[in-house]
Protein backbone atom coordinates (compact mmCIF):
# COMPACT_ATOMS: atom_id res chain seq x y z
CA MET A 1 -72.09 -22.91 17.46
CA ILE A 2 -68.78 -21.47 18.70
CA THR A 3 -67.25 -22.68 21.93
CA ARG A 4 -64.89 -20.34 23.75
CA SER A 5 -61.77 -21.64 25.50
CA ASP A 6 -59.49 -19.72 27.86
CA ASP A 7 -56.81 -22.43 27.78
CA TYR A 8 -53.70 -20.26 27.42
CA VAL A 9 -51.39 -23.17 26.62
CA GLU A 10 -53.57 -24.23 23.71
CA TYR A 11 -53.68 -20.62 22.53
CA CYS A 12 -49.87 -20.54 22.50
CA ARG A 13 -49.80 -23.83 20.61
CA GLN A 14 -52.13 -22.54 17.90
CA THR A 15 -50.20 -19.26 17.64
CA ALA A 16 -46.94 -21.13 17.10
CA LYS A 17 -48.46 -23.39 14.45
CA GLU A 18 -49.49 -20.37 12.41
CA ALA A 19 -46.48 -18.16 13.15
CA ARG A 20 -43.94 -17.20 10.50
CA ASP A 21 -42.09 -14.59 12.52
CA PRO A 22 -40.69 -15.32 16.03
CA HIS A 23 -42.18 -12.04 17.21
CA ASP A 24 -45.64 -13.60 16.83
CA LEU A 25 -44.82 -15.47 20.05
CA ALA A 26 -44.42 -12.20 21.93
CA LEU A 27 -48.21 -11.83 21.61
CA ARG A 28 -47.99 -8.06 21.26
CA GLY A 29 -48.92 -7.83 17.59
CA ARG A 30 -46.59 -7.55 14.60
CA LYS A 31 -46.62 -3.76 14.66
CA ASN A 32 -45.15 -3.69 18.18
CA LYS A 33 -41.69 -5.19 17.64
CA GLU A 34 -40.02 -2.05 18.93
CA VAL A 35 -42.21 -2.13 22.04
CA THR A 36 -41.10 -5.70 22.70
CA LYS A 37 -37.43 -4.78 22.29
CA ARG A 38 -37.80 -1.76 24.55
CA VAL A 39 -39.58 -3.74 27.27
CA HIS A 40 -36.88 -6.41 27.32
CA GLN A 41 -34.07 -3.87 27.39
CA GLN A 42 -35.74 -2.19 30.35
CA ILE A 43 -35.88 -5.55 32.09
CA ALA A 44 -32.21 -6.19 31.33
CA ASP A 45 -31.36 -2.82 32.84
CA ALA A 46 -33.52 -3.47 35.92
CA VAL A 47 -31.74 -6.74 36.73
CA ASP A 48 -28.31 -5.41 35.67
CA LEU A 49 -27.84 -8.22 33.16
CA HIS A 50 -24.14 -8.46 32.34
CA ALA A 51 -21.31 -10.68 31.17
CA GLY A 52 -20.97 -13.92 33.10
CA ASP A 53 -24.63 -14.14 34.11
CA ASP A 54 -26.71 -17.27 33.74
CA LEU A 55 -30.18 -16.23 32.59
CA ILE A 56 -33.45 -18.13 32.75
CA ASP A 57 -36.34 -16.43 30.96
CA ILE A 58 -39.66 -18.08 31.85
CA GLY A 59 -42.10 -17.43 29.02
CA CYS A 60 -39.43 -16.00 26.76
CA GLY A 61 -41.82 -15.00 23.93
CA ASP A 62 -39.86 -14.19 20.79
CA GLY A 63 -36.49 -14.65 22.52
CA SER A 64 -35.58 -10.96 22.75
CA MET A 65 -34.19 -11.33 26.26
CA LEU A 66 -32.04 -14.28 25.21
CA ARG A 67 -30.54 -12.20 22.41
CA ILE A 68 -29.84 -9.34 24.81
CA ALA A 69 -28.12 -11.75 27.19
CA ASP A 70 -25.95 -13.17 24.40
CA ALA A 71 -24.97 -9.66 23.30
CA ALA A 72 -24.08 -8.79 26.90
CA GLY A 73 -21.73 -11.79 27.15
CA ALA A 74 -23.87 -13.94 29.42
CA ASN A 75 -22.47 -17.33 30.31
CA SER A 76 -25.78 -18.98 29.42
CA ALA A 77 -29.31 -17.98 28.46
CA ILE A 78 -32.19 -20.45 28.54
CA GLY A 79 -35.76 -19.63 27.57
CA LEU A 80 -38.86 -21.58 28.52
CA LEU A 81 -42.08 -21.77 26.53
CA ALA A 82 -45.37 -23.50 27.23
CA THR A 83 -45.48 -25.75 24.15
CA GLU A 84 -43.18 -27.78 21.96
CA GLU A 85 -44.54 -25.94 18.93
CA GLU A 86 -43.18 -22.63 20.25
CA VAL A 87 -39.88 -24.27 21.13
CA ALA A 88 -39.51 -25.69 17.62
CA LEU A 89 -40.06 -22.26 16.08
CA LEU A 90 -37.42 -20.46 18.17
CA ARG A 91 -34.90 -23.26 17.82
CA ARG A 92 -34.97 -22.70 14.07
CA PHE A 93 -33.49 -19.28 14.83
CA GLY A 94 -30.69 -20.72 16.97
CA LEU A 95 -32.10 -19.92 20.41
CA ASN A 96 -31.68 -22.16 23.45
CA VAL A 97 -35.25 -22.88 24.50
CA ILE A 98 -37.06 -25.75 26.21
CA GLN A 99 -40.65 -26.59 27.02
CA GLY A 100 -41.82 -26.04 30.58
CA LEU A 101 -44.42 -24.36 32.78
CA ALA A 102 -43.77 -21.94 35.62
CA ASP A 103 -44.96 -24.27 38.39
CA ARG A 104 -42.72 -27.17 37.31
CA LEU A 105 -39.53 -25.91 35.71
CA PRO A 106 -37.40 -28.62 34.02
CA LEU A 107 -34.18 -27.08 35.35
CA ARG A 108 -31.67 -27.95 38.03
CA ASP A 109 -31.44 -26.21 41.39
CA ALA A 110 -29.47 -22.96 41.67
CA SER A 111 -28.79 -22.65 37.95
CA ALA A 112 -29.50 -18.95 37.29
CA SER A 113 -28.00 -15.68 38.49
CA VAL A 114 -30.90 -13.85 36.78
CA VAL A 115 -34.49 -15.08 36.48
CA VAL A 116 -37.00 -13.20 34.34
CA CYS A 117 -40.70 -14.00 34.26
CA ASN A 118 -42.53 -11.24 32.40
CA ASN A 119 -46.17 -11.21 31.30
CA VAL A 120 -46.55 -14.83 32.43
CA LEU A 121 -47.88 -15.14 35.98
CA LEU A 122 -51.05 -13.25 35.08
CA VAL A 123 -52.19 -16.25 33.00
CA VAL A 124 -51.18 -18.84 35.62
CA PRO A 125 -54.13 -20.14 37.67
CA ARG A 126 -54.08 -18.53 41.12
CA GLU A 127 -53.73 -21.90 42.84
CA ASN A 128 -50.45 -22.48 40.94
CA ILE A 129 -48.83 -19.15 41.83
CA PRO A 130 -47.23 -20.31 45.12
CA ALA A 131 -45.68 -23.32 43.37
CA SER A 132 -44.44 -21.09 40.55
CA LEU A 133 -42.74 -18.73 43.01
CA ARG A 134 -41.15 -21.65 44.85
CA GLU A 135 -39.84 -23.00 41.53
CA ILE A 136 -38.33 -19.60 40.70
CA ASN A 137 -36.62 -19.61 44.09
CA ARG A 138 -35.38 -23.17 43.54
CA VAL A 139 -33.68 -22.50 40.19
CA ALA A 140 -32.15 -19.19 41.34
CA LYS A 141 -28.62 -19.06 42.71
CA PRO A 142 -27.97 -17.34 46.05
CA SER A 143 -28.06 -13.55 45.47
CA ALA A 144 -29.77 -14.03 42.08
CA ARG A 145 -31.70 -11.05 40.71
CA ILE A 146 -35.32 -11.83 39.87
CA PHE A 147 -37.76 -9.84 37.74
CA LEU A 148 -41.47 -10.67 37.85
CA GLY A 149 -43.27 -8.40 35.43
CA GLU A 150 -46.71 -7.24 34.36
CA ILE A 151 -48.58 -8.46 37.45
CA PRO A 152 -52.09 -6.92 37.49
CA TYR A 153 -52.93 -5.24 40.79
CA VAL A 154 -56.67 -4.94 40.10
CA GLU A 155 -59.08 -7.40 38.60
CA GLN A 156 -58.94 -7.36 34.81
CA SER A 157 -61.78 -7.67 32.31
CA ASP A 158 -61.30 -9.83 29.22
CA PRO A 159 -60.98 -7.50 26.20
CA THR A 160 -61.95 -10.19 23.70
CA PRO A 161 -65.60 -9.92 22.67
CA ARG A 162 -67.83 -12.97 22.61
CA PHE A 163 -69.38 -14.15 19.35
CA GLY A 164 -72.54 -16.07 18.73
CA THR A 165 -71.84 -17.03 15.12
CA ARG A 166 -68.87 -17.80 12.90
CA ARG A 167 -69.75 -14.87 10.68
CA GLU A 168 -69.50 -12.42 13.60
CA LEU A 169 -66.12 -13.85 14.62
CA LEU A 170 -64.66 -13.79 11.11
CA SER A 171 -65.87 -10.26 10.49
CA HIS A 172 -64.21 -9.11 13.74
CA LEU A 173 -60.92 -10.84 12.89
CA TYR A 174 -60.78 -9.34 9.41
CA ARG A 175 -61.51 -5.80 10.62
CA THR A 176 -59.17 -5.99 13.61
CA TYR A 177 -56.25 -8.14 12.47
CA GLY A 178 -56.41 -8.37 8.68
CA PHE A 179 -56.56 -11.05 6.03
CA ARG A 180 -53.89 -13.40 7.38
CA THR A 181 -55.55 -13.89 10.75
CA TRP A 182 -58.96 -14.16 9.09
CA PHE A 183 -57.71 -16.80 6.64
CA GLY A 184 -56.04 -18.79 9.43
CA MET A 185 -59.34 -18.98 11.30
CA VAL A 186 -61.21 -19.97 8.13
CA ARG A 187 -58.80 -22.87 7.64
CA ARG A 188 -59.14 -23.93 11.27
CA MET A 189 -62.93 -23.84 11.10
CA ALA A 190 -62.95 -25.80 7.83
CA TYR A 191 -60.72 -28.48 9.33
CA ARG A 192 -62.89 -28.83 12.41
CA GLN A 193 -66.02 -29.04 10.27
CA LEU A 194 -64.49 -31.75 8.07
CA THR A 195 -63.40 -33.78 11.10
CA GLY A 196 -66.68 -33.28 12.93
CA LYS A 197 -65.11 -31.30 15.75
CA PRO A 198 -66.78 -28.26 17.32
CA SER A 199 -65.46 -24.77 16.55
CA VAL A 200 -63.37 -23.71 19.54
CA ILE A 201 -61.91 -20.23 19.89
CA ASP A 202 -58.75 -20.01 22.01
CA THR A 203 -58.65 -16.37 23.07
CA GLY A 204 -55.47 -16.22 25.17
CA THR A 205 -56.66 -12.96 26.71
CA ALA A 206 -58.32 -14.06 29.95
CA ILE A 207 -56.39 -12.99 33.07
CA SER A 208 -56.18 -15.73 35.70
CA PHE A 209 -54.19 -13.95 38.42
CA TRP A 210 -54.04 -10.50 39.94
CA ALA A 211 -52.95 -9.26 43.35
CA ALA A 212 -52.48 -5.98 45.17
CA PRO A 213 -48.79 -5.22 45.82
CA GLU A 214 -49.01 -6.09 49.52
CA GLU A 215 -50.51 -9.49 48.75
CA PHE A 216 -48.08 -10.32 45.97
CA VAL A 217 -45.03 -9.25 47.99
CA ALA A 218 -46.24 -11.47 50.84
CA MET A 219 -46.55 -14.39 48.41
CA THR A 220 -43.00 -13.90 47.13
CA GLN A 221 -41.66 -13.71 50.68
CA ALA A 222 -43.52 -16.89 51.62
CA ALA A 223 -41.68 -18.56 48.73
CA GLY A 224 -38.35 -17.48 50.23
CA LEU A 225 -37.59 -14.47 48.04
CA GLN A 226 -36.44 -11.05 49.20
CA PHE A 227 -38.47 -8.09 47.95
CA LEU A 228 -36.51 -5.08 46.66
CA ARG A 229 -38.97 -2.76 44.92
CA TYR A 230 -41.91 -2.51 42.56
CA TRP A 231 -43.07 0.04 39.99
CA GLN A 232 -45.92 0.53 37.56
CA CYS A 233 -45.63 -0.77 33.99
CA ASP A 234 -45.16 1.94 31.40
CA HIS A 235 -47.49 0.32 28.85
CA TYR A 236 -50.03 -1.33 31.21
CA PRO A 237 -51.11 1.16 33.89
CA THR A 238 -52.97 -1.51 35.92
CA ARG A 239 -49.92 -3.80 36.20
CA ASN A 240 -46.74 -3.70 38.29
CA ASN A 241 -43.18 -4.95 37.86
CA TYR A 242 -41.35 -6.46 40.81
CA LEU A 243 -37.63 -6.76 41.47
CA LEU A 244 -36.55 -9.38 43.98
CA ARG A 245 -33.49 -11.38 44.92
CA LYS A 246 -32.74 -14.74 46.42
CA PRO A 247 -31.06 -14.40 49.82
CA ASN A 248 -27.52 -15.73 50.25
């Protein structure tokens, strides 16, 4: 019997344990490295990231934004990831990352002139969104530029199919993702069987939060942020990007 889990933090932990390439943490697939780079450069352009900035990237993925900040001459660039396993992987590549969640950031007040939080809030439970927005406001300096990206504006369906047997799951993984992913799941299943634990599939694809633009803008304003503009994502037509600032 296979048990399904939508625990996104545990999904990130398992991904990091099996990752060999930092881009695995971007969760866009190995073939989409150029997409990841392009998305982060677009974000850097949107917030006018430049020399002297202090960047905080919440959910920094493979660290692309941190590298862009370093190349731009930023004063500092700190990335946050959900698990220590992810942090350990990126630190091996010389990146400044720490473990932390959006609703309780382990950072001092007014420490960033730019805050980026892309493809993160959609997996945060709705009840934790207000706290996450307040935390973003807290760590931002007066006049800081803030990018909140890939926020669904309609309810999303989970694209991951459900499986009744291990054979169905393994067949799907092999056809869709190839031998490496298939073999990783075989190892995980074998370990759980040997230790007497149930087979649990961490999908990482369930969407926890979505909001129409009017609702989301109102939530950001309630957290003390100033709304500037929003626009539709190029690669996800049912999601929006938002540019905000912290008032002086």
